[in-house]
PDB file of all heavy atoms in Angstrom:
ATOM      1  N   SER A   1       3.871 -22.031   6.857  1.00  0.00           N
ATOM      2  CA  SER A   1       4.206 -21.185   8.005  1.00  0.00           C
ATOM      3  C   SER A   1       3.944 -19.733   7.647  1.00  0.00           C
ATOM      4  O   SER A   1       4.233 -19.306   6.528  1.00  0.00           O
ATOM      5  CB  SER A   1       5.660 -21.376   8.450  1.00  0.00           C
ATOM      6  OG  SER A   1       6.565 -20.759   7.553  1.00  0.00           O
ATOM      7  N   GLY A   2       3.372 -18.997   8.591  1.00  0.00           N
ATOM      8  CA  GLY A   2       3.071 -17.591   8.386  1.00  0.00           C
ATOM      9  C   GLY A   2       3.821 -16.711   9.370  1.00  0.00           C
ATOM     10  O   GLY A   2       3.550 -16.739  10.572  1.00  0.00           O
ATOM     11  N   SER A   3       4.809 -15.977   8.873  1.00  0.00           N
ATOM     12  CA  SER A   3       5.602 -15.050   9.694  1.00  0.00           C
ATOM     13  C   SER A   3       6.260 -15.749  10.877  1.00  0.00           C
ATOM     14  O   SER A   3       6.280 -15.226  11.998  1.00  0.00           O
ATOM     15  CB  SER A   3       4.733 -13.884  10.174  1.00  0.00           C
ATOM     16  OG  SER A   3       4.316 -13.087   9.086  1.00  0.00           O
ATOM     17  N   LEU A   4       6.820 -16.903  10.618  1.00  0.00           N
ATOM     18  CA  LEU A   4       7.547 -17.662  11.645  1.00  0.00           C
ATOM     19  C   LEU A   4       9.055 -17.496  11.535  1.00  0.00           C
ATOM     20  O   LEU A   4       9.749 -17.264  12.525  1.00  0.00           O
ATOM     21  CB  LEU A   4       7.190 -19.148  11.532  1.00  0.00           C
ATOM     22  CG  LEU A   4       8.102 -20.111  12.309  1.00  0.00           C
ATOM     23  CD1 LEU A   4       7.891 -19.936  13.812  1.00  0.00           C
ATOM     24  CD2 LEU A   4       7.869 -21.553  11.876  1.00  0.00           C
ATOM     25  N   LEU A   5       9.594 -17.634  10.313  1.00  0.00           N
ATOM     26  CA  LEU A   5      11.036 -17.801  10.146  1.00  0.00           C
ATOM     27  C   LEU A   5      11.841 -16.640  10.702  1.00  0.00           C
ATOM     28  O   LEU A   5      12.934 -16.842  11.236  1.00  0.00           O
ATOM     29  CB  LEU A   5      11.378 -18.006   8.664  1.00  0.00           C
ATOM     30  CG  LEU A   5      10.769 -19.244   7.995  1.00  0.00           C
ATOM     31  CD1 LEU A   5      11.237 -19.325   6.551  1.00  0.00           C
ATOM     32  CD2 LEU A   5      11.118 -20.516   8.755  1.00  0.00           C
ATOM     33  N   HIS A   6      11.332 -15.414  10.597  1.00  0.00           N
ATOM     34  CA  HIS A   6      12.121 -14.269  11.046  1.00  0.00           C
ATOM     35  C   HIS A   6      12.244 -14.196  12.571  1.00  0.00           C
ATOM     36  O   HIS A   6      13.021 -13.412  13.095  1.00  0.00           O
ATOM     37  CB  HIS A   6      11.578 -12.954  10.475  1.00  0.00           C
ATOM     38  CG  HIS A   6      10.286 -12.505  11.072  1.00  0.00           C
ATOM     39  ND1 HIS A   6       9.074 -12.987  10.649  1.00  0.00           N
ATOM     40  CD2 HIS A   6      10.009 -11.594  12.044  1.00  0.00           C
ATOM     41  CE1 HIS A   6       8.105 -12.398  11.331  1.00  0.00           C
ATOM     42  NE2 HIS A   6       8.649 -11.542  12.187  1.00  0.00           N
ATOM     43  N   HIS A   7      11.482 -15.046  13.272  1.00  0.00           N
ATOM     44  CA  HIS A   7      11.622 -15.139  14.725  1.00  0.00           C
ATOM     45  C   HIS A   7      12.626 -16.220  15.145  1.00  0.00           C
ATOM     46  O   HIS A   7      12.921 -16.343  16.337  1.00  0.00           O
ATOM     47  CB  HIS A   7      10.270 -15.460  15.365  1.00  0.00           C
ATOM     48  CG  HIS A   7       9.269 -14.358  15.267  1.00  0.00           C
ATOM     49  ND1 HIS A   7       9.403 -13.164  15.950  1.00  0.00           N
ATOM     50  CD2 HIS A   7       8.111 -14.257  14.570  1.00  0.00           C
ATOM     51  CE1 HIS A   7       8.380 -12.385  15.680  1.00  0.00           C
ATOM     52  NE2 HIS A   7       7.584 -13.012  14.838  1.00  0.00           N
ATOM     53  N   LEU A   8      13.125 -16.979  14.197  1.00  0.00           N
ATOM     54  CA  LEU A   8      13.980 -18.124  14.506  1.00  0.00           C
ATOM     55  C   LEU A   8      15.450 -17.801  14.285  1.00  0.00           C
ATOM     56  O   LEU A   8      15.805 -17.042  13.384  1.00  0.00           O
ATOM     57  CB  LEU A   8      13.597 -19.328  13.638  1.00  0.00           C
ATOM     58  CG  LEU A   8      12.152 -19.819  13.741  1.00  0.00           C
ATOM     59  CD1 LEU A   8      11.953 -21.014  12.824  1.00  0.00           C
ATOM     60  CD2 LEU A   8      11.807 -20.187  15.178  1.00  0.00           C
ATOM     61  N   GLU A   9      16.307 -18.438  15.073  1.00  0.00           N
ATOM     62  CA  GLU A   9      17.744 -18.270  14.906  1.00  0.00           C
ATOM     63  C   GLU A   9      18.288 -19.198  13.821  1.00  0.00           C
ATOM     64  O   GLU A   9      19.353 -18.941  13.266  1.00  0.00           O
ATOM     65  CB  GLU A   9      18.449 -18.533  16.234  1.00  0.00           C
ATOM     66  CG  GLU A   9      18.074 -17.517  17.313  1.00  0.00           C
ATOM     67  CD  GLU A   9      18.769 -17.762  18.637  1.00  0.00           C
ATOM     68  OE1 GLU A   9      19.376 -18.859  18.798  1.00  0.00           O
ATOM     69  OE2 GLU A   9      18.712 -16.876  19.500  1.00  0.00           O
ATOM     70  N   ARG A  10      17.540 -20.271  13.498  1.00  0.00           N
ATOM     71  CA  ARG A  10      17.980 -21.232  12.485  1.00  0.00           C
ATOM     72  C   ARG A  10      16.842 -21.492  11.491  1.00  0.00           C
ATOM     73  O   ARG A  10      16.295 -22.590  11.438  1.00  0.00           O
ATOM     74  CB  ARG A  10      18.427 -22.530  13.158  1.00  0.00           C
ATOM     75  CG  ARG A  10      19.630 -22.367  14.070  1.00  0.00           C
ATOM     76  CD  ARG A  10      20.110 -23.695  14.645  1.00  0.00           C
ATOM     77  NE  ARG A  10      19.283 -24.163  15.744  1.00  0.00           N
ATOM     78  CZ  ARG A  10      18.614 -25.312  15.765  1.00  0.00           C
ATOM     79  NH1 ARG A  10      18.640 -26.126  14.723  1.00  0.00           N
ATOM     80  NH2 ARG A  10      17.903 -25.661  16.819  1.00  0.00           N
ATOM     81  N   PRO A  11      16.489 -20.496  10.687  1.00  0.00           N
ATOM     82  CA  PRO A  11      15.348 -20.671   9.785  1.00  0.00           C
ATOM     83  C   PRO A  11      15.535 -21.777   8.756  1.00  0.00           C
ATOM     84  O   PRO A  11      14.561 -22.446   8.382  1.00  0.00           O
ATOM     85  CB  PRO A  11      15.202 -19.302   9.112  1.00  0.00           C
ATOM     86  CG  PRO A  11      16.544 -18.652   9.261  1.00  0.00           C
ATOM     87  CD  PRO A  11      17.077 -19.144  10.564  1.00  0.00           C
ATOM     88  N   VAL A  12      16.756 -21.992   8.289  1.00  0.00           N
ATOM     89  CA  VAL A  12      16.978 -23.042   7.295  1.00  0.00           C
ATOM     90  C   VAL A  12      16.677 -24.411   7.892  1.00  0.00           C
ATOM     91  O   VAL A  12      16.073 -25.274   7.230  1.00  0.00           O
ATOM     92  CB  VAL A  12      18.417 -22.995   6.753  1.00  0.00           C
ATOM     93  CG1 VAL A  12      18.687 -24.193   5.854  1.00  0.00           C
ATOM     94  CG2 VAL A  12      18.645 -21.715   5.965  1.00  0.00           C
ATOM     95  N   ASP A  13      17.061 -24.624   9.148  1.00  0.00           N
ATOM     96  CA  ASP A  13      16.766 -25.907   9.796  1.00  0.00           C
ATOM     97  C   ASP A  13      15.257 -26.129   9.888  1.00  0.00           C
ATOM     98  O   ASP A  13      14.775 -27.250   9.685  1.00  0.00           O
ATOM     99  CB  ASP A  13      17.385 -25.954  11.192  1.00  0.00           C
ATOM    100  CG  ASP A  13      18.899 -26.074  11.167  1.00  0.00           C
ATOM    101  OD1 ASP A  13      19.450 -26.389  10.091  1.00  0.00           O
ATOM    102  OD2 ASP A  13      19.525 -25.836  12.215  1.00  0.00           O
ATOM    103  N   ALA A  14      14.502 -25.069  10.201  1.00  0.00           N
ATOM    104  CA  ALA A  14      13.049 -25.202  10.260  1.00  0.00           C
ATOM    105  C   ALA A  14      12.474 -25.514   8.877  1.00  0.00           C
ATOM    106  O   ALA A  14      11.576 -26.360   8.749  1.00  0.00           O
ATOM    107  CB  ALA A  14      12.433 -23.925  10.821  1.00  0.00           C
ATOM    108  N   LEU A  15      12.983 -24.858   7.843  1.00  0.00           N
ATOM    109  CA  LEU A  15      12.510 -25.133   6.485  1.00  0.00           C
ATOM    110  C   LEU A  15      12.830 -26.565   6.063  1.00  0.00           C
ATOM    111  O   LEU A  15      12.026 -27.209   5.375  1.00  0.00           O
ATOM    112  CB  LEU A  15      13.148 -24.154   5.501  1.00  0.00           C
ATOM    113  CG  LEU A  15      12.422 -22.842   5.224  1.00  0.00           C
ATOM    114  CD1 LEU A  15      13.220 -22.000   4.240  1.00  0.00           C
ATOM    115  CD2 LEU A  15      11.014 -23.085   4.681  1.00  0.00           C
ATOM    116  N   ARG A  16      13.972 -27.063   6.467  1.00  0.00           N
ATOM    117  CA  ARG A  16      14.312 -28.457   6.142  1.00  0.00           C
ATOM    118  C   ARG A  16      13.346 -29.424   6.807  1.00  0.00           C
ATOM    119  O   ARG A  16      12.958 -30.455   6.221  1.00  0.00           O
ATOM    120  CB  ARG A  16      15.745 -28.751   6.558  1.00  0.00           C
ATOM    121  CG  ARG A  16      16.786 -28.112   5.641  1.00  0.00           C
ATOM    122  CD  ARG A  16      18.185 -28.300   6.178  1.00  0.00           C
ATOM    123  NE  ARG A  16      19.173 -27.706   5.285  1.00  0.00           N
ATOM    124  CZ  ARG A  16      20.343 -27.206   5.693  1.00  0.00           C
ATOM    125  NH1 ARG A  16      20.670 -27.249   6.976  1.00  0.00           N
ATOM    126  NH2 ARG A  16      21.177 -26.677   4.807  1.00  0.00           N
ATOM    127  N   GLU A  17      12.955 -29.121   8.050  1.00  0.00           N
ATOM    128  CA  GLU A  17      11.969 -29.951   8.728  1.00  0.00           C
ATOM    129  C   GLU A  17      10.618 -29.885   8.019  1.00  0.00           C
ATOM    130  O   GLU A  17       9.928 -30.896   7.871  1.00  0.00           O
ATOM    131  CB  GLU A  17      11.807 -29.500  10.184  1.00  0.00           C
ATOM    132  CG  GLU A  17      12.727 -30.176  11.158  1.00  0.00           C
ATOM    133  CD  GLU A  17      12.383 -31.651  11.323  1.00  0.00           C
ATOM    134  OE1 GLU A  17      11.525 -31.994  12.152  1.00  0.00           O
ATOM    135  OE2 GLU A  17      12.977 -32.475  10.583  1.00  0.00           O
ATOM    136  N   MET A  18      10.247 -28.693   7.580  1.00  0.00           N
ATOM    137  CA  MET A  18       9.000 -28.550   6.845  1.00  0.00           C
ATOM    138  C   MET A  18       9.043 -29.371   5.561  1.00  0.00           C
ATOM    139  O   MET A  18       8.065 -30.047   5.212  1.00  0.00           O
ATOM    140  CB  MET A  18       8.733 -27.078   6.552  1.00  0.00           C
ATOM    141  CG  MET A  18       8.431 -26.243   7.800  1.00  0.00           C
ATOM    142  SD  MET A  18       8.400 -24.462   7.501  1.00  0.00           S
ATOM    143  CE  MET A  18       6.979 -24.321   6.413  1.00  0.00           C
ATOM    144  N   ARG A  19      10.168 -29.308   4.858  1.00  0.00           N
ATOM    145  CA  ARG A  19      10.318 -30.109   3.633  1.00  0.00           C
ATOM    146  C   ARG A  19      10.229 -31.600   3.944  1.00  0.00           C
ATOM    147  O   ARG A  19       9.623 -32.367   3.189  1.00  0.00           O
ATOM    148  CB  ARG A  19      11.660 -29.791   2.972  1.00  0.00           C
ATOM    149  CG  ARG A  19      11.947 -30.651   1.736  1.00  0.00           C
ATOM    150  CD  ARG A  19      13.221 -30.213   1.017  1.00  0.00           C
ATOM    151  NE  ARG A  19      14.387 -30.309   1.856  1.00  0.00           N
ATOM    152  CZ  ARG A  19      15.118 -31.430   2.018  1.00  0.00           C
ATOM    153  NH1 ARG A  19      14.762 -32.555   1.400  1.00  0.00           N
ATOM    154  NH2 ARG A  19      16.177 -31.421   2.784  1.00  0.00           N
ATOM    155  N   ARG A  20      10.792 -32.018   5.056  1.00  0.00           N
ATOM    156  CA  ARG A  20      10.806 -33.442   5.418  1.00  0.00           C
ATOM    157  C   ARG A  20       9.402 -34.015   5.562  1.00  0.00           C
ATOM    158  O   ARG A  20       9.141 -35.155   5.121  1.00  0.00           O
ATOM    159  CB  ARG A  20      11.577 -33.631   6.731  1.00  0.00           C
ATOM    160  CG  ARG A  20      11.637 -35.083   7.211  1.00  0.00           C
ATOM    161  CD  ARG A  20      12.343 -35.216   8.544  1.00  0.00           C
ATOM    162  NE  ARG A  20      11.605 -34.593   9.645  1.00  0.00           N
ATOM    163  CZ  ARG A  20      10.567 -35.144  10.260  1.00  0.00           C
ATOM    164  NH1 ARG A  20      10.098 -36.331   9.866  1.00  0.00           N
ATOM    165  NH2 ARG A  20       9.964 -34.523  11.257  1.00  0.00           N
ATOM    166  N   VAL A  21       8.498 -33.257   6.168  1.00  0.00           N
ATOM    167  CA  VAL A  21       7.161 -33.806   6.430  1.00  0.00           C
ATOM    168  C   VAL A  21       6.151 -33.461   5.339  1.00  0.00           C
ATOM    169  O   VAL A  21       4.988 -33.855   5.433  1.00  0.00           O
ATOM    170  CB  VAL A  21       6.640 -33.361   7.813  1.00  0.00           C
ATOM    171  CG1 VAL A  21       7.588 -33.799   8.915  1.00  0.00           C
ATOM    172  CG2 VAL A  21       6.390 -31.866   7.873  1.00  0.00           C
ATOM    173  N   ALA A  22       6.597 -32.739   4.303  1.00  0.00           N
ATOM    174  CA  ALA A  22       5.689 -32.333   3.218  1.00  0.00           C
ATOM    175  C   ALA A  22       5.792 -33.285   2.034  1.00  0.00           C
ATOM    176  O   ALA A  22       6.887 -33.562   1.547  1.00  0.00           O
ATOM    177  CB  ALA A  22       6.013 -30.911   2.771  1.00  0.00           C
ATOM    178  N   ARG A  23       4.653 -33.746   1.537  1.00  0.00           N
ATOM    179  CA  ARG A  23       4.649 -34.608   0.361  1.00  0.00           C
ATOM    180  C   ARG A  23       4.720 -33.811  -0.935  1.00  0.00           C
ATOM    181  O   ARG A  23       5.400 -34.212  -1.876  1.00  0.00           O
ATOM    182  CB  ARG A  23       3.378 -35.473   0.354  1.00  0.00           C
ATOM    183  CG  ARG A  23       3.421 -36.657   1.294  1.00  0.00           C
ATOM    184  CD  ARG A  23       2.274 -37.611   1.036  1.00  0.00           C
ATOM    185  NE  ARG A  23       0.994 -37.044   1.433  1.00  0.00           N
ATOM    186  CZ  ARG A  23       0.464 -37.165   2.648  1.00  0.00           C
ATOM    187  NH1 ARG A  23       1.123 -37.824   3.596  1.00  0.00           N
ATOM    188  NH2 ARG A  23      -0.706 -36.629   2.941  1.00  0.00           N
ATOM    189  N   SER A  24       3.995 -32.669  -0.990  1.00  0.00           N
ATOM    190  CA  SER A  24       3.902 -32.005  -2.293  1.00  0.00           C
ATOM    191  C   SER A  24       4.095 -30.499  -2.273  1.00  0.00           C
ATOM    192  O   SER A  24       4.360 -29.916  -3.324  1.00  0.00           O
ATOM    193  CB  SER A  24       2.545 -32.317  -2.938  1.00  0.00           C
ATOM    194  OG  SER A  24       1.488 -31.856  -2.111  1.00  0.00           O
ATOM    195  N   GLY A  25       3.976 -29.840  -1.124  1.00  0.00           N
ATOM    196  CA  GLY A  25       4.091 -28.388  -1.140  1.00  0.00           C
ATOM    197  C   GLY A  25       4.546 -27.789   0.174  1.00  0.00           C
ATOM    198  O   GLY A  25       4.233 -28.317   1.247  1.00  0.00           O
ATOM    199  N   VAL A  26       5.293 -26.702   0.080  1.00  0.00           N
ATOM    200  CA  VAL A  26       5.686 -25.899   1.234  1.00  0.00           C
ATOM    201  C   VAL A  26       5.308 -24.453   0.929  1.00  0.00           C
ATOM    202  O   VAL A  26       5.702 -23.910  -0.114  1.00  0.00           O
ATOM    203  CB  VAL A  26       7.195 -26.010   1.532  1.00  0.00           C
ATOM    204  CG1 VAL A  26       7.605 -25.052   2.648  1.00  0.00           C
ATOM    205  CG2 VAL A  26       7.558 -27.447   1.906  1.00  0.00           C
ATOM    206  N   ALA A  27       4.536 -23.837   1.817  1.00  0.00           N
ATOM    207  CA  ALA A  27       4.044 -22.473   1.623  1.00  0.00           C
ATOM    208  C   ALA A  27       4.496 -21.609   2.793  1.00  0.00           C
ATOM    209  O   ALA A  27       4.269 -21.968   3.955  1.00  0.00           O
ATOM    210  CB  ALA A  27       2.516 -22.470   1.528  1.00  0.00           C
ATOM    211  N   VAL A  28       5.141 -20.498   2.477  1.00  0.00           N
ATOM    212  CA  VAL A  28       5.750 -19.668   3.524  1.00  0.00           C
ATOM    213  C   VAL A  28       5.403 -18.200   3.292  1.00  0.00           C
ATOM    214  O   VAL A  28       5.449 -17.713   2.156  1.00  0.00           O
ATOM    215  CB  VAL A  28       7.284 -19.836   3.540  1.00  0.00           C
ATOM    216  CG1 VAL A  28       7.933 -18.911   4.563  1.00  0.00           C
ATOM    217  CG2 VAL A  28       7.667 -21.287   3.818  1.00  0.00           C
ATOM    218  N   ILE A  29       5.076 -17.505   4.372  1.00  0.00           N
ATOM    219  CA  ILE A  29       4.873 -16.052   4.345  1.00  0.00           C
ATOM    220  C   ILE A  29       5.864 -15.414   5.303  1.00  0.00           C
ATOM    221  O   ILE A  29       6.003 -15.873   6.446  1.00  0.00           O
ATOM    222  CB  ILE A  29       3.442 -15.674   4.765  1.00  0.00           C
ATOM    223  CG1 ILE A  29       2.405 -16.302   3.827  1.00  0.00           C
ATOM    224  CG2 ILE A  29       3.272 -14.151   4.802  1.00  0.00           C
ATOM    225  CD1 ILE A  29       0.981 -16.137   4.314  1.00  0.00           C
ATOM    226  N   GLU A  30       6.542 -14.367   4.842  1.00  0.00           N
ATOM    227  CA  GLU A  30       7.436 -13.599   5.710  1.00  0.00           C
ATOM    228  C   GLU A  30       7.284 -12.111   5.405  1.00  0.00           C
ATOM    229  O   GLU A  30       6.927 -11.736   4.284  1.00  0.00           O
ATOM    230  CB  GLU A  30       8.893 -14.020   5.512  1.00  0.00           C
ATOM    231  CG  GLU A  30       9.250 -15.358   6.131  1.00  0.00           C
ATOM    232  CD  GLU A  30       9.084 -15.377   7.644  1.00  0.00           C
ATOM    233  OE1 GLU A  30       9.381 -14.352   8.295  1.00  0.00           O
ATOM    234  OE2 GLU A  30       8.633 -16.414   8.165  1.00  0.00           O
ATOM    235  N   PRO A  31       7.553 -11.247   6.387  1.00  0.00           N
ATOM    236  CA  PRO A  31       7.485  -9.804   6.133  1.00  0.00           C
ATOM    237  C   PRO A  31       8.507  -9.370   5.091  1.00  0.00           C
ATOM    238  O   PRO A  31       9.585  -9.975   4.959  1.00  0.00           O
ATOM    239  CB  PRO A  31       7.815  -9.192   7.504  1.00  0.00           C
ATOM    240  CG  PRO A  31       7.528 -10.271   8.486  1.00  0.00           C
ATOM    241  CD  PRO A  31       7.861 -11.554   7.794  1.00  0.00           C
ATOM    242  N   ASN A  32       8.170  -8.314   4.373  1.00  0.00           N
ATOM    243  CA  ASN A  32       9.026  -7.774   3.321  1.00  0.00           C
ATOM    244  C   ASN A  32       9.771  -6.543   3.852  1.00  0.00           C
ATOM    245  O   ASN A  32       9.168  -5.497   4.097  1.00  0.00           O
ATOM    246  CB  ASN A  32       8.153  -7.392   2.116  1.00  0.00           C
ATOM    247  CG  ASN A  32       8.924  -6.674   1.029  1.00  0.00           C
ATOM    248  OD1 ASN A  32      10.153  -6.780   0.931  1.00  0.00           O
ATOM    249  ND2 ASN A  32       8.203  -5.926   0.200  1.00  0.00           N
ATOM    250  N   ARG A  33      11.086  -6.668   3.990  1.00  0.00           N
ATOM    251  CA  ARG A  33      11.863  -5.558   4.557  1.00  0.00           C
ATOM    252  C   ARG A  33      11.870  -4.329   3.647  1.00  0.00           C
ATOM    253  O   ARG A  33      12.168  -3.217   4.095  1.00  0.00           O
ATOM    254  CB  ARG A  33      13.299  -6.002   4.800  1.00  0.00           C
ATOM    255  CG  ARG A  33      14.122  -6.194   3.522  1.00  0.00           C
ATOM    256  CD  ARG A  33      15.522  -6.647   3.814  1.00  0.00           C
ATOM    257  NE  ARG A  33      16.311  -6.794   2.593  1.00  0.00           N
ATOM    258  CZ  ARG A  33      17.451  -7.458   2.527  1.00  0.00           C
ATOM    259  NH1 ARG A  33      17.936  -8.048   3.609  1.00  0.00           N
ATOM    260  NH2 ARG A  33      18.104  -7.540   1.389  1.00  0.00           N
ATOM    261  N   ASN A  34      11.536  -4.502   2.378  1.00  0.00           N
ATOM    262  CA  ASN A  34      11.529  -3.383   1.437  1.00  0.00           C
ATOM    263  C   ASN A  34      10.201  -2.627   1.418  1.00  0.00           C
ATOM    264  O   ASN A  34      10.044  -1.693   0.629  1.00  0.00           O
ATOM    265  CB  ASN A  34      11.882  -3.881   0.034  1.00  0.00           C
ATOM    266  CG  ASN A  34      13.306  -4.403  -0.035  1.00  0.00           C
ATOM    267  OD1 ASN A  34      14.219  -3.797   0.517  1.00  0.00           O
ATOM    268  ND2 ASN A  34      13.493  -5.542  -0.683  1.00  0.00           N
ATOM    269  N   HIS A  35       9.276  -3.026   2.259  1.00  0.00           N
ATOM    270  CA  HIS A  35       8.016  -2.311   2.443  1.00  0.00           C
ATOM    271  C   HIS A  35       8.235  -1.334   3.603  1.00  0.00           C
ATOM    272  O   HIS A  35       8.459  -1.768   4.744  1.00  0.00           O
ATOM    273  CB  HIS A  35       6.911  -3.313   2.773  1.00  0.00           C
ATOM    274  CG  HIS A  35       5.556  -2.720   2.947  1.00  0.00           C
ATOM    275  ND1 HIS A  35       4.793  -2.285   1.900  1.00  0.00           N
ATOM    276  CD2 HIS A  35       4.818  -2.493   4.064  1.00  0.00           C
ATOM    277  CE1 HIS A  35       3.637  -1.828   2.348  1.00  0.00           C
ATOM    278  NE2 HIS A  35       3.632  -1.929   3.660  1.00  0.00           N
ATOM    279  N   PRO A  36       8.230  -0.017   3.370  1.00  0.00           N
ATOM    280  CA  PRO A  36       8.665   0.937   4.394  1.00  0.00           C
ATOM    281  C   PRO A  36       7.998   0.789   5.766  1.00  0.00           C
ATOM    282  O   PRO A  36       8.709   0.777   6.785  1.00  0.00           O
ATOM    283  CB  PRO A  36       8.389   2.294   3.743  1.00  0.00           C
ATOM    284  CG  PRO A  36       8.569   2.027   2.279  1.00  0.00           C
ATOM    285  CD  PRO A  36       7.994   0.658   2.072  1.00  0.00           C
TER     286      PRO A  36
END
């Protein structure tokens, strides 16, 4: 997923679903709040 989780109200639930359907890897990109 690319820049998805920060738009969701339940990001952990989405990550659990991603883990459920993944055999070997989960790759996630999110914005960095510490980048001004």
